[in-house]
Amino acid sequence: MNIYSLQNIQASPNQIHTNDQQTVGESQQAFANNLKEAINSINHAQKASDQKTEALARGEIDDLHDVMVTAQKSSIMLQTGVQVQKKVVDAYNEVMRMQV
């Protein structure tokens, strides 16, 4: 599990079109897909953390270090996701305030 999964939001080199061939709808779909992937990654990290914590409580695993690392990764990913969400909302509000 990579704690930097939100970097997946950035477009890969083959997704970048420099000659404006990508339509607005395609851009919106690409953004939506990348956002879904990032949210799914955060959700997966949360579930993994919950599973390891429950397994530790049941006595099935005894590696506290691994459980704590997994929980911390999950927490960092969630905090990063929340901060990205706040920035997106702020950017949207700023665009809406622009006079055209």
PDB file of N, CA and C in Angstrom:
ATOM      1  N   MET A   1       0.853  -1.183   0.000  1.00  0.00           N
ATOM      2  CA  MET A   1       0.000   0.000   0.000  1.00  0.00           C
ATOM      3  C   MET A   1       0.891   1.235   0.000  1.00  0.00           C
ATOM      4  N   ASN A   2       0.680   2.112  -0.914  1.00  0.00           N
ATOM      5  CA  ASN A   2       1.465   3.316  -1.055  1.00  0.00           C
ATOM      6  C   ASN A   2       0.716   4.473  -0.412  1.00  0.00           C
ATOM      7  N   ILE A   3       1.350   5.146   0.551  1.00  0.00           N
ATOM      8  CA  ILE A   3       0.663   6.245   1.221  1.00  0.00           C
ATOM      9  C   ILE A   3       0.556   7.473   0.324  1.00  0.00           C
ATOM     10  N   TYR A   4       1.225   7.437  -0.805  1.00  0.00           N
ATOM     11  CA  TYR A   4       1.172   8.549  -1.740  1.00  0.00           C
ATOM     12  C   TYR A   4       0.235   8.256  -2.895  1.00  0.00           C
ATOM     13  N   SER A   5      -0.821   7.525  -2.648  1.00  0.00           N
ATOM     14  CA  SER A   5      -1.735   7.113  -3.707  1.00  0.00           C
ATOM     15  C   SER A   5      -2.458   8.288  -4.348  1.00  0.00           C
ATOM     16  N   LEU A   6      -2.538   9.386  -3.649  1.00  0.00           N
ATOM     17  CA  LEU A   6      -3.212  10.543  -4.241  1.00  0.00           C
ATOM     18  C   LEU A   6      -2.401  11.136  -5.383  1.00  0.00           C
ATOM     19  N   GLN A   7      -1.159  10.708  -5.527  1.00  0.00           N
ATOM     20  CA  GLN A   7      -0.381  11.153  -6.681  1.00  0.00           C
ATOM     21  C   GLN A   7      -0.955  10.578  -7.960  1.00  0.00           C
ATOM     22  N   ASN A   8      -1.799   9.564  -7.842  1.00  0.00           N
ATOM     23  CA  ASN A   8      -2.432   8.975  -9.017  1.00  0.00           C
ATOM     24  C   ASN A   8      -3.364   9.959  -9.707  1.00  0.00           C
ATOM     25  N   ILE A   9      -3.742  11.022  -9.019  1.00  0.00           N
ATOM     26  CA  ILE A   9      -4.630  12.023  -9.613  1.00  0.00           C
ATOM     27  C   ILE A   9      -3.937  12.728 -10.776  1.00  0.00           C
ATOM     28  N   GLN A  10      -2.616  12.842 -10.695  1.00  0.00           N
ATOM     29  CA  GLN A  10      -1.880  13.476 -11.780  1.00  0.00           C
ATOM     30  C   GLN A  10      -1.985  12.612 -13.027  1.00  0.00           C
ATOM     31  N   ALA A  11      -2.086  13.253 -14.141  1.00  0.00           N
ATOM     32  CA  ALA A  11      -2.220  12.528 -15.410  1.00  0.00           C
ATOM     33  C   ALA A  11      -0.913  11.852 -15.765  1.00  0.00           C
ATOM     34  N   SER A  12      -1.026  10.658 -16.303  1.00  0.00           N
ATOM     35  CA  SER A  12       0.163   9.976 -16.798  1.00  0.00           C
ATOM     36  C   SER A  12       0.532  10.598 -18.146  1.00  0.00           C
ATOM     37  N   PRO A  13       1.766  10.435 -18.581  1.00  0.00           N
ATOM     38  CA  PRO A  13       2.199  11.079 -19.832  1.00  0.00           C
ATOM     39  C   PRO A  13       1.332  10.731 -21.040  1.00  0.00           C
ATOM     40  N   ASN A  14       0.766   9.527 -21.093  1.00  0.00           N
ATOM     41  CA  ASN A  14      -0.047   9.174 -22.256  1.00  0.00           C
ATOM     42  C   ASN A  14      -1.460   9.744 -22.164  1.00  0.00           C
ATOM     43  N   GLN A  15      -1.834  10.343 -21.041  1.00  0.00           N
ATOM     44  CA  GLN A  15      -3.153  10.953 -20.911  1.00  0.00           C
ATOM     45  C   GLN A  15      -3.132  12.435 -21.275  1.00  0.00           C
ATOM     46  N   ILE A  16      -1.958  13.007 -21.400  1.00  0.00           N
ATOM     47  CA  ILE A  16      -1.841  14.438 -21.671  1.00  0.00           C
ATOM     48  C   ILE A  16      -1.936  14.674 -23.171  1.00  0.00           C
ATOM     49  N   HIS A  17      -2.850  15.543 -23.552  1.00  0.00           N
ATOM     50  CA  HIS A  17      -3.009  15.902 -24.964  1.00  0.00           C
ATOM     51  C   HIS A  17      -2.584  17.354 -25.123  1.00  0.00           C
ATOM     52  N   THR A  18      -1.569  17.575 -25.924  1.00  0.00           N
ATOM     53  CA  THR A  18      -1.076  18.935 -26.091  1.00  0.00           C
ATOM     54  C   THR A  18      -1.739  19.657 -27.243  1.00  0.00           C
ATOM     55  N   ASN A  19      -2.512  18.950 -28.064  1.00  0.00           N
ATOM     56  CA  ASN A  19      -3.088  19.602 -29.233  1.00  0.00           C
ATOM     57  C   ASN A  19      -4.603  19.721 -29.139  1.00  0.00           C
ATOM     58  N   ASP A  20      -5.147  19.803 -27.940  1.00  0.00           N
ATOM     59  CA  ASP A  20      -6.565  20.065 -27.684  1.00  0.00           C
ATOM     60  C   ASP A  20      -7.497  19.066 -28.364  1.00  0.00           C
ATOM     61  N   GLN A  21      -7.091  17.816 -28.510  1.00  0.00           N
ATOM     62  CA  GLN A  21      -7.963  16.816 -29.103  1.00  0.00           C
ATOM     63  C   GLN A  21      -8.923  16.223 -28.079  1.00  0.00           C
ATOM     64  N   GLN A  22      -8.653  16.426 -26.818  1.00  0.00           N
ATOM     65  CA  GLN A  22      -9.507  15.881 -25.776  1.00  0.00           C
ATOM     66  C   GLN A  22     -10.700  16.819 -25.568  1.00  0.00           C
ATOM     67  N   THR A  23     -11.884  16.245 -25.588  1.00  0.00           N
ATOM     68  CA  THR A  23     -13.082  17.059 -25.398  1.00  0.00           C
ATOM     69  C   THR A  23     -13.277  17.351 -23.921  1.00  0.00           C
ATOM     70  N   VAL A  24     -14.185  18.280 -23.650  1.00  0.00           N
ATOM     71  CA  VAL A  24     -14.505  18.622 -22.266  1.00  0.00           C
ATOM     72  C   VAL A  24     -15.065  17.400 -21.546  1.00  0.00           C
ATOM     73  N   GLY A  25     -15.915  16.655 -22.207  1.00  0.00           N
ATOM     74  CA  GLY A  25     -16.499  15.463 -21.606  1.00  0.00           C
ATOM     75  C   GLY A  25     -15.450  14.419 -21.262  1.00  0.00           C
ATOM     76  N   GLU A  26     -14.469  14.255 -22.166  1.00  0.00           N
ATOM     77  CA  GLU A  26     -13.387  13.310 -21.894  1.00  0.00           C
ATOM     78  C   GLU A  26     -12.537  13.764 -20.715  1.00  0.00           C
ATOM     79  N   SER A  27     -12.295  15.060 -20.641  1.00  0.00           N
ATOM     80  CA  SER A  27     -11.530  15.597 -19.516  1.00  0.00           C
ATOM     81  C   SER A  27     -12.271  15.381 -18.203  1.00  0.00           C
ATOM     82  N   GLN A  28     -13.573  15.637 -18.224  1.00  0.00           N
ATOM     83  CA  GLN A  28     -14.378  15.431 -17.018  1.00  0.00           C
ATOM     84  C   GLN A  28     -14.377  13.967 -16.609  1.00  0.00           C
ATOM     85  N   GLN A  29     -14.486  13.071 -17.579  1.00  0.00           N
ATOM     86  CA  GLN A  29     -14.499  11.642 -17.281  1.00  0.00           C
ATOM     87  C   GLN A  29     -13.157  11.184 -16.724  1.00  0.00           C
ATOM     88  N   ALA A  30     -12.072  11.691 -17.303  1.00  0.00           N
ATOM     89  CA  ALA A  30     -10.736  11.335 -16.815  1.00  0.00           C
ATOM     90  C   ALA A  30     -10.542  11.819 -15.376  1.00  0.00           C
ATOM     91  N   PHE A  31     -10.987  13.048 -15.092  1.00  0.00           N
ATOM     92  CA  PHE A  31     -10.886  13.582 -13.735  1.00  0.00           C
ATOM     93  C   PHE A  31     -11.724  12.748 -12.773  1.00  0.00           C
ATOM     94  N   ALA A  32     -12.939  12.412 -13.173  1.00  0.00           N
ATOM     95  CA  ALA A  32     -13.817  11.613 -12.315  1.00  0.00           C
ATOM     96  C   ALA A  32     -13.211  10.236 -12.042  1.00  0.00           C
ATOM     97  N   ASN A  33     -12.633   9.621 -13.068  1.00  0.00           N
ATOM     98  CA  ASN A  33     -12.014   8.308 -12.881  1.00  0.00           C
ATOM     99  C   ASN A  33     -10.825   8.372 -11.930  1.00  0.00           C
ATOM    100  N   ASN A  34      -9.985   9.394 -12.093  1.00  0.00           N
ATOM    101  CA  ASN A  34      -8.836   9.551 -11.205  1.00  0.00           C
ATOM    102  C   ASN A  34      -9.273   9.814  -9.774  1.00  0.00           C
ATOM    103  N   LEU A  35     -10.323  10.599  -9.600  1.00  0.00           N
ATOM    104  CA  LEU A  35     -10.832  10.879  -8.264  1.00  0.00           C
ATOM    105  C   LEU A  35     -11.402   9.619  -7.620  1.00  0.00           C
ATOM    106  N   LYS A  36     -12.130   8.834  -8.401  1.00  0.00           N
ATOM    107  CA  LYS A  36     -12.671   7.566  -7.886  1.00  0.00           C
ATOM    108  C   LYS A  36     -11.554   6.626  -7.463  1.00  0.00           C
ATOM    109  N   GLU A  37     -10.495   6.547  -8.259  1.00  0.00           N
ATOM    110  CA  GLU A  37      -9.362   5.691  -7.919  1.00  0.00           C
ATOM    111  C   GLU A  37      -8.714   6.131  -6.607  1.00  0.00           C
ATOM    112  N   ALA A  38      -8.557   7.442  -6.424  1.00  0.00           N
ATOM    113  CA  ALA A  38      -7.952   7.954  -5.194  1.00  0.00           C
ATOM    114  C   ALA A  38      -8.840   7.639  -3.985  1.00  0.00           C
ATOM    115  N   ILE A  39     -10.141   7.822  -4.139  1.00  0.00           N
ATOM    116  CA  ILE A  39     -11.071   7.530  -3.042  1.00  0.00           C
ATOM    117  C   ILE A  39     -11.077   6.038  -2.731  1.00  0.00           C
ATOM    118  N   ASN A  40     -11.054   5.205  -3.766  1.00  0.00           N
ATOM    119  CA  ASN A  40     -10.997   3.757  -3.552  1.00  0.00           C
ATOM    120  C   ASN A  40      -9.713   3.350  -2.845  1.00  0.00           C
ATOM    121  N   SER A  41      -8.620   4.009  -3.164  1.00  0.00           N
ATOM    122  CA  SER A  41      -7.347   3.722  -2.518  1.00  0.00           C
ATOM    123  C   SER A  41      -7.404   4.071  -1.032  1.00  0.00           C
ATOM    124  N   ILE A  42      -7.996   5.204  -0.709  1.00  0.00           N
ATOM    125  CA  ILE A  42      -8.156   5.597   0.692  1.00  0.00           C
ATOM    126  C   ILE A  42      -9.060   4.612   1.415  1.00  0.00           C
ATOM    127  N   ASN A  43     -10.148   4.215   0.770  1.00  0.00           N
ATOM    128  CA  ASN A  43     -11.076   3.255   1.362  1.00  0.00           C
ATOM    129  C   ASN A  43     -10.384   1.916   1.613  1.00  0.00           C
ATOM    130  N   HIS A  44      -9.583   1.474   0.648  1.00  0.00           N
ATOM    131  CA  HIS A  44      -8.857   0.212   0.804  1.00  0.00           C
ATOM    132  C   HIS A  44      -7.893   0.283   1.995  1.00  0.00           C
ATOM    133  N   ALA A  45      -7.210   1.410   2.142  1.00  0.00           N
ATOM    134  CA  ALA A  45      -6.275   1.577   3.268  1.00  0.00           C
ATOM    135  C   ALA A  45      -7.019   1.555   4.597  1.00  0.00           C
ATOM    136  N   GLN A  46      -8.193   2.192   4.640  1.00  0.00           N
ATOM    137  CA  GLN A  46      -8.995   2.188   5.868  1.00  0.00           C
ATOM    138  C   GLN A  46      -9.434   0.773   6.221  1.00  0.00           C
ATOM    139  N   LYS A  47      -9.877   0.022   5.218  1.00  0.00           N
ATOM    140  CA  LYS A  47     -10.319  -1.356   5.462  1.00  0.00           C
ATOM    141  C   LYS A  47      -9.162  -2.230   5.933  1.00  0.00           C
ATOM    142  N   ALA A  48      -7.996  -2.071   5.315  1.00  0.00           N
ATOM    143  CA  ALA A  48      -6.830  -2.857   5.716  1.00  0.00           C
ATOM    144  C   ALA A  48      -6.449  -2.555   7.160  1.00  0.00           C
ATOM    145  N   SER A  49      -6.513  -1.287   7.535  1.00  0.00           N
ATOM    146  CA  SER A  49      -6.205  -0.903   8.902  1.00  0.00           C
ATOM    147  C   SER A  49      -7.204  -1.513   9.878  1.00  0.00           C
ATOM    148  N   ASP A  50      -8.479  -1.454   9.533  1.00  0.00           N
ATOM    149  CA  ASP A  50      -9.515  -2.037  10.390  1.00  0.00           C
ATOM    150  C   ASP A  50      -9.331  -3.543  10.550  1.00  0.00           C
ATOM    151  N   GLN A  51      -9.015  -4.225   9.456  1.00  0.00           N
ATOM    152  CA  GLN A  51      -8.834  -5.675   9.500  1.00  0.00           C
ATOM    153  C   GLN A  51      -7.651  -6.061  10.380  1.00  0.00           C
ATOM    154  N   LYS A  52      -6.546  -5.335  10.248  1.00  0.00           N
ATOM    155  CA  LYS A  52      -5.376  -5.652  11.061  1.00  0.00           C
ATOM    156  C   LYS A  52      -5.626  -5.330  12.537  1.00  0.00           C
ATOM    157  N   THR A  53      -6.339  -4.257  12.802  1.00  0.00           N
ATOM    158  CA  THR A  53      -6.649  -3.916  14.187  1.00  0.00           C
ATOM    159  C   THR A  53      -7.541  -4.975  14.820  1.00  0.00           C
ATOM    160  N   GLU A  54      -8.552  -5.424  14.086  1.00  0.00           N
ATOM    161  CA  GLU A  54      -9.438  -6.476  14.592  1.00  0.00           C
ATOM    162  C   GLU A  54      -8.682  -7.780  14.796  1.00  0.00           C
ATOM    163  N   ALA A  55      -7.788  -8.113  13.860  1.00  0.00           N
ATOM    164  CA  ALA A  55      -7.003  -9.347  13.989  1.00  0.00           C
ATOM    165  C   ALA A  55      -6.086  -9.279  15.213  1.00  0.00           C
ATOM    166  N   LEU A  56      -5.531  -8.110  15.488  1.00  0.00           N
ATOM    167  CA  LEU A  56      -4.694  -7.933  16.672  1.00  0.00           C
ATOM    168  C   LEU A  56      -5.524  -8.102  17.936  1.00  0.00           C
ATOM    169  N   ALA A  57      -6.717  -7.529  17.943  1.00  0.00           N
ATOM    170  CA  ALA A  57      -7.590  -7.634  19.120  1.00  0.00           C
ATOM    171  C   ALA A  57      -8.025  -9.079  19.373  1.00  0.00           C
ATOM    172  N   ARG A  58      -8.195  -9.853  18.297  1.00  0.00           N
ATOM    173  CA  ARG A  58      -8.584 -11.261  18.443  1.00  0.00           C
ATOM    174  C   ARG A  58      -7.401 -12.152  18.769  1.00  0.00           C
ATOM    175  N   GLY A  59      -6.191 -11.623  18.687  1.00  0.00           N
ATOM    176  CA  GLY A  59      -5.000 -12.403  18.976  1.00  0.00           C
ATOM    177  C   GLY A  59      -4.500 -13.209  17.795  1.00  0.00           C
ATOM    178  N   GLU A  60      -4.998 -12.936  16.611  1.00  0.00           N
ATOM    179  CA  GLU A  60      -4.585 -13.677  15.418  1.00  0.00           C
ATOM    180  C   GLU A  60      -3.208 -13.246  14.920  1.00  0.00           C
ATOM    181  N   ILE A  61      -2.844 -12.006  15.171  1.00  0.00           N
ATOM    182  CA  ILE A  61      -1.509 -11.523  14.812  1.00  0.00           C
ATOM    183  C   ILE A  61      -0.909 -10.860  16.043  1.00  0.00           C
ATOM    184  N   ASP A  62       0.399 -10.852  16.111  1.00  0.00           N
ATOM    185  CA  ASP A  62       1.038 -10.256  17.281  1.00  0.00           C
ATOM    186  C   ASP A  62       2.060  -9.185  16.913  1.00  0.00           C
ATOM    187  N   ASP A  63       2.037  -8.746  15.667  1.00  0.00           N
ATOM    188  CA  ASP A  63       2.961  -7.720  15.198  1.00  0.00           C
ATOM    189  C   ASP A  63       2.321  -6.338  15.362  1.00  0.00           C
ATOM    190  N   LEU A  64       2.464  -5.778  16.548  1.00  0.00           N
ATOM    191  CA  LEU A  64       1.876  -4.469  16.833  1.00  0.00           C
ATOM    192  C   LEU A  64       2.455  -3.391  15.928  1.00  0.00           C
ATOM    193  N   HIS A  65       3.734  -3.510  15.628  1.00  0.00           N
ATOM    194  CA  HIS A  65       4.386  -2.510  14.771  1.00  0.00           C
ATOM    195  C   HIS A  65       3.696  -2.425  13.405  1.00  0.00           C
ATOM    196  N   ASP A  66       3.426  -3.572  12.795  1.00  0.00           N
ATOM    197  CA  ASP A  66       2.765  -3.599  11.492  1.00  0.00           C
ATOM    198  C   ASP A  66       1.367  -2.991  11.564  1.00  0.00           C
ATOM    199  N   VAL A  67       0.650  -3.292  12.630  1.00  0.00           N
ATOM    200  CA  VAL A  67      -0.701  -2.739  12.803  1.00  0.00           C
ATOM    201  C   VAL A  67      -0.642  -1.226  12.941  1.00  0.00           C
ATOM    202  N   MET A  68       0.308  -0.727  13.712  1.00  0.00           N
ATOM    203  CA  MET A  68       0.422   0.726  13.909  1.00  0.00           C
ATOM    204  C   MET A  68       0.859   1.437  12.628  1.00  0.00           C
ATOM    205  N   VAL A  69       1.765   0.820  11.871  1.00  0.00           N
ATOM    206  CA  VAL A  69       2.207   1.422  10.605  1.00  0.00           C
ATOM    207  C   VAL A  69       1.034   1.487   9.630  1.00  0.00           C
ATOM    208  N   THR A  70       0.263   0.405   9.554  1.00  0.00           N
ATOM    209  CA  THR A  70      -0.890   0.380   8.660  1.00  0.00           C
ATOM    210  C   THR A  70      -1.918   1.435   9.072  1.00  0.00           C
ATOM    211  N   ALA A  71      -2.151   1.566  10.366  1.00  0.00           N
ATOM    212  CA  ALA A  71      -3.099   2.573  10.858  1.00  0.00           C
ATOM    213  C   ALA A  71      -2.608   3.986  10.550  1.00  0.00           C
ATOM    214  N   GLN A  72      -1.306   4.217  10.711  1.00  0.00           N
ATOM    215  CA  GLN A  72      -0.764   5.548  10.437  1.00  0.00           C
ATOM    216  C   GLN A  72      -0.835   5.877   8.948  1.00  0.00           C
ATOM    217  N   LYS A  73      -0.532   4.906   8.087  1.00  0.00           N
ATOM    218  CA  LYS A  73      -0.655   5.126   6.637  1.00  0.00           C
ATOM    219  C   LYS A  73      -2.088   5.489   6.276  1.00  0.00           C
ATOM    220  N   SER A  74      -3.015   4.755   6.847  1.00  0.00           N
ATOM    221  CA  SER A  74      -4.429   5.004   6.587  1.00  0.00           C
ATOM    222  C   SER A  74      -4.821   6.407   7.027  1.00  0.00           C
ATOM    223  N   SER A  75      -4.355   6.793   8.198  1.00  0.00           N
ATOM    224  CA  SER A  75      -4.670   8.116   8.731  1.00  0.00           C
ATOM    225  C   SER A  75      -4.091   9.226   7.850  1.00  0.00           C
ATOM    226  N   ILE A  76      -2.854   9.050   7.418  1.00  0.00           N
ATOM    227  CA  ILE A  76      -2.216  10.063   6.569  1.00  0.00           C
ATOM    228  C   ILE A  76      -2.937  10.177   5.229  1.00  0.00           C
ATOM    229  N   MET A  77      -3.306   9.033   4.655  1.00  0.00           N
ATOM    230  CA  MET A  77      -4.025   9.061   3.382  1.00  0.00           C
ATOM    231  C   MET A  77      -5.366   9.767   3.528  1.00  0.00           C
ATOM    232  N   LEU A  78      -6.069   9.489   4.628  1.00  0.00           N
ATOM    233  CA  LEU A  78      -7.363  10.138   4.850  1.00  0.00           C
ATOM    234  C   LEU A  78      -7.195  11.643   5.039  1.00  0.00           C
ATOM    235  N   GLN A  79      -6.215  12.043   5.840  1.00  0.00           N
ATOM    236  CA  GLN A  79      -5.968  13.467   6.054  1.00  0.00           C
ATOM    237  C   GLN A  79      -5.598  14.173   4.750  1.00  0.00           C
ATOM    238  N   THR A  80      -4.786  13.520   3.934  1.00  0.00           N
ATOM    239  CA  THR A  80      -4.407  14.090   2.639  1.00  0.00           C
ATOM    240  C   THR A  80      -5.628  14.229   1.737  1.00  0.00           C
ATOM    241  N   GLY A  81      -6.472  13.208   1.730  1.00  0.00           N
ATOM    242  CA  GLY A  81      -7.700  13.263   0.936  1.00  0.00           C
ATOM    243  C   GLY A  81      -8.608  14.395   1.360  1.00  0.00           C
ATOM    244  N   VAL A  82      -8.729  14.605   2.660  1.00  0.00           N
ATOM    245  CA  VAL A  82      -9.561  15.700   3.167  1.00  0.00           C
ATOM    246  C   VAL A  82      -8.974  17.047   2.756  1.00  0.00           C
ATOM    247  N   GLN A  83      -7.657  17.192   2.832  1.00  0.00           N
ATOM    248  CA  GLN A  83      -7.026  18.449   2.436  1.00  0.00           C
ATOM    249  C   GLN A  83      -7.187  18.709   0.934  1.00  0.00           C
ATOM    250  N   VAL A  84      -7.068  17.653   0.118  1.00  0.00           N
ATOM    251  CA  VAL A  84      -7.278  17.809  -1.323  1.00  0.00           C
ATOM    252  C   VAL A  84      -8.715  18.233  -1.594  1.00  0.00           C
ATOM    253  N   GLN A  85      -9.649  17.624  -0.880  1.00  0.00           N
ATOM    254  CA  GLN A  85     -11.065  17.975  -1.050  1.00  0.00           C
ATOM    255  C   GLN A  85     -11.300  19.448  -0.698  1.00  0.00           C
ATOM    256  N   LYS A  86     -10.682  19.907   0.374  1.00  0.00           N
ATOM    257  CA  LYS A  86     -10.833  21.317   0.763  1.00  0.00           C
ATOM    258  C   LYS A  86     -10.267  22.248  -0.311  1.00  0.00           C
ATOM    259  N   LYS A  87      -9.112  21.870  -0.865  1.00  0.00           N
ATOM    260  CA  LYS A  87      -8.496  22.691  -1.914  1.00  0.00           C
ATOM    261  C   LYS A  87      -9.359  22.718  -3.177  1.00  0.00           C
ATOM    262  N   VAL A  88      -9.953  21.583  -3.521  1.00  0.00           N
ATOM    263  CA  VAL A  88     -10.820  21.533  -4.704  1.00  0.00           C
ATOM    264  C   VAL A  88     -12.036  22.423  -4.500  1.00  0.00           C
ATOM    265  N   VAL A  89     -12.637  22.367  -3.322  1.00  0.00           N
ATOM    266  CA  VAL A  89     -13.801  23.210  -3.032  1.00  0.00           C
ATOM    267  C   VAL A  89     -13.402  24.686  -3.056  1.00  0.00           C
ATOM    268  N   ASP A  90     -12.251  25.019  -2.482  1.00  0.00           N
ATOM    269  CA  ASP A  90     -11.776  26.406  -2.511  1.00  0.00           C
ATOM    270  C   ASP A  90     -11.543  26.881  -3.941  1.00  0.00           C
ATOM    271  N   ALA A  91     -10.951  26.027  -4.769  1.00  0.00           N
ATOM    272  CA  ALA A  91     -10.707  26.393  -6.169  1.00  0.00           C
ATOM    273  C   ALA A  91     -12.025  26.580  -6.910  1.00  0.00           C
ATOM    274  N   TYR A  92     -12.985  25.698  -6.661  1.00  0.00           N
ATOM    275  CA  TYR A  92     -14.297  25.818  -7.292  1.00  0.00           C
ATOM    276  C   TYR A  92     -14.960  27.131  -6.887  1.00  0.00           C
ATOM    277  N   ASN A  93     -14.920  27.457  -5.607  1.00  0.00           N
ATOM    278  CA  ASN A  93     -15.519  28.706  -5.136  1.00  0.00           C
ATOM    279  C   ASN A  93     -14.843  29.919  -5.751  1.00  0.00           C
ATOM    280  N   GLU A  94     -13.525  29.836  -5.906  1.00  0.00           N
ATOM    281  CA  GLU A  94     -12.779  30.945  -6.518  1.00  0.00           C
ATOM    282  C   GLU A  94     -13.188  31.123  -7.985  1.00  0.00           C
ATOM    283  N   VAL A  95     -13.331  30.030  -8.704  1.00  0.00           N
ATOM    284  CA  VAL A  95     -13.749  30.114 -10.106  1.00  0.00           C
ATOM    285  C   VAL A  95     -15.161  30.686 -10.199  1.00  0.00           C
ATOM    286  N   MET A  96     -16.034  30.284  -9.295  1.00  0.00           N
ATOM    287  CA  MET A  96     -17.414  30.771  -9.319  1.00  0.00           C
ATOM    288  C   MET A  96     -17.491  32.275  -9.026  1.00  0.00           C
ATOM    289  N   ARG A  97     -16.523  32.815  -8.290  1.00  0.00           N
ATOM    290  CA  ARG A  97     -16.518  34.249  -7.971  1.00  0.00           C
ATOM    291  C   ARG A  97     -15.958  35.097  -9.115  1.00  0.00           C
ATOM    292  N   MET A  98     -15.317  34.444 -10.071  1.00  0.00           N
ATOM    293  CA  MET A  98     -14.727  35.191 -11.193  1.00  0.00           C
ATOM    294  C   MET A  98     -15.817  35.819 -12.052  1.00  0.00           C
ATOM    295  N   GLN A  99     -15.525  37.029 -12.489  1.00  0.00           N
ATOM    296  CA  GLN A  99     -16.459  37.702 -13.400  1.00  0.00           C
ATOM    297  C   GLN A  99     -15.952  37.513 -14.811  1.00  0.00           C
ATOM    298  N   VAL A 100     -16.861  37.079 -15.670  1.00  0.00           N
ATOM    299  CA  VAL A 100     -16.464  36.844 -17.049  1.00  0.00           C
ATOM    300  C   VAL A 100     -17.108  37.826 -17.986  1.00  0.00           C
TER     301      VAL A 100
END
